[in-house]
Protein backbone atom coordinates (compact mmCIF):
# COMPACT_ATOMS: atom_id res chain seq x y z
CA UNK A 1 27.28 -2.05 -19.33
CA UNK A 2 23.77 -1.40 -17.97
CA UNK A 3 20.32 -0.80 -19.42
CA UNK A 4 18.28 1.76 -17.50
CA UNK A 5 14.52 1.55 -18.07
CA UNK A 6 12.74 4.60 -16.62
CA UNK A 7 8.96 4.95 -16.68
CA UNK A 8 7.93 8.57 -16.19
CA UNK A 9 4.70 10.56 -16.40
CA UNK A 10 4.15 12.31 -19.73
CA UNK A 11 4.33 15.70 -17.96
CA UNK A 12 7.98 15.00 -17.12
CA UNK A 13 8.91 13.39 -20.44
CA UNK A 14 10.07 16.42 -22.43
CA UNK A 15 12.02 17.89 -19.51
CA UNK A 16 13.81 14.56 -18.93
CA UNK A 17 14.48 14.06 -22.63
CA UNK A 18 16.12 17.49 -22.94
CA UNK A 19 18.16 16.95 -19.76
CA UNK A 20 19.46 13.59 -21.01
CA UNK A 21 20.51 15.14 -24.34
CA UNK A 22 22.17 18.04 -22.53
CA UNK A 23 24.10 15.55 -20.35
CA UNK A 24 25.13 13.69 -23.55
CA UNK A 25 23.10 10.51 -22.93
CA UNK A 26 21.19 8.85 -25.74
CA UNK A 27 17.79 7.36 -24.97
CA UNK A 28 14.98 5.61 -26.78
CA UNK A 29 11.48 6.83 -25.85
CA UNK A 30 8.45 4.56 -25.95
CA UNK A 31 4.85 5.58 -25.34
CA UNK A 32 3.26 3.56 -22.54
CA UNK A 33 0.14 3.63 -20.38
CA UNK A 34 -0.06 3.18 -16.63
CA UNK A 35 -2.43 0.54 -15.27
CA UNK A 36 -3.65 2.32 -12.13
CA UNK A 37 -4.58 5.76 -13.46
CA UNK A 38 -4.72 4.68 -17.11
CA UNK A 39 -2.68 7.80 -17.85
CA UNK A 40 -0.01 8.33 -20.48
CA UNK A 41 3.54 7.53 -19.54
CA UNK A 42 6.83 7.53 -21.40
CA UNK A 43 9.33 4.70 -21.03
CA UNK A 44 12.97 5.64 -21.58
CA UNK A 45 15.56 2.99 -22.44
CA UNK A 46 19.09 4.25 -21.77
CA UNK A 47 22.24 2.21 -22.32
CA UNK A 48 25.24 3.36 -20.25
CA UNK A 49 28.55 2.17 -18.89
CA UNK A 50 28.53 0.97 -15.28
CA UNK A 51 30.19 4.13 -13.96
CA UNK A 52 27.54 6.36 -15.58
CA UNK A 53 24.51 4.81 -13.85
CA UNK A 54 24.47 7.14 -10.83
CA UNK A 55 24.82 10.21 -13.05
CA UNK A 56 21.83 9.17 -15.18
CA UNK A 57 19.79 8.36 -12.05
CA UNK A 58 20.51 11.86 -10.75
CA UNK A 59 19.31 13.38 -14.05
CA UNK A 60 16.10 11.36 -13.70
CA UNK A 61 15.62 12.36 -10.03
CA UNK A 62 16.12 16.04 -10.85
CA UNK A 63 13.63 16.10 -13.72
CA UNK A 64 10.83 13.75 -12.61
CA UNK A 65 8.93 15.16 -9.64
CA UNK A 66 6.17 13.61 -7.55
CA UNK A 67 3.00 15.70 -7.40
CA UNK A 68 -0.53 15.35 -6.00
CA UNK A 69 -3.46 14.94 -8.40
CA UNK A 70 -7.21 14.57 -7.91
CA UNK A 71 -8.56 11.39 -9.53
CA UNK A 72 -12.18 10.23 -9.78
CA UNK A 73 -12.41 6.47 -9.12
CA UNK A 74 -13.79 4.18 -11.81
CA UNK A 75 -17.41 2.99 -11.39
CA UNK A 76 -17.61 -0.45 -9.72
CA UNK A 77 -18.20 -3.33 -12.13
CA UNK A 78 -20.45 -5.40 -9.87
CA UNK A 79 -23.52 -4.56 -7.82
CA UNK A 80 -25.81 -1.61 -8.18
CA UNK A 81 -24.49 1.74 -9.30
CA UNK A 82 -27.64 3.66 -8.34
CA UNK A 83 -26.15 4.86 -5.06
CA UNK A 84 -22.53 5.07 -6.23
CA UNK A 85 -21.25 8.66 -6.00
CA UNK A 86 -17.61 8.83 -7.03
CA UNK A 87 -15.71 11.50 -5.13
CA UNK A 88 -12.30 12.67 -6.29
CA UNK A 89 -9.39 11.16 -4.38
CA UNK A 90 -6.00 12.80 -4.07
CA UNK A 91 -3.13 10.51 -5.13
CA UNK A 92 0.57 11.02 -5.71
CA UNK A 93 1.66 10.81 -9.36
CA UNK A 94 4.85 11.52 -11.22
CA UNK A 95 8.34 10.67 -10.21
CA UNK A 96 9.88 7.72 -11.98
CA UNK A 97 9.97 3.95 -11.76
CA UNK A 98 13.48 2.86 -12.72
CA UNK A 99 15.00 -0.55 -13.47
CA UNK A 100 18.76 -1.01 -13.90
CA UNK A 101 19.70 -4.25 -15.67
CA UNK A 102 23.00 -5.77 -16.72
CA UNK A 103 23.69 -5.96 -20.46
CA UNK A 104 25.80 -8.82 -21.77
CA UNK A 105 26.21 -7.42 -25.26
CA UNK A 106 25.44 -4.22 -27.14
CA UNK A 107 25.76 -3.54 -30.87
CA UNK A 108 24.89 -0.42 -32.79
CA UNK A 109 24.66 -0.68 -36.59
């Protein structure tokens, strides 16, 4: 048995949740926040049998897309900010960060 932990952008969360239900996979959703953009994320915890891992990963790949987003950098903490003019920077966001871990034991009460 495996535990899949998938961290996805909030924009992809509902689409992924519906796709997992449609594919008959149960998941626990946790609200989380990314460190770099300080944006809302959703962390999915999905327990599956070993032979189901690739199918779940394909559901995640299909429903969590990378996209470009303009972000204004945070003001520097040191030095003078009189001449600091933050300009938006284009970064890639979205997609999913996925961890697949072995599970020694699973119980559902």
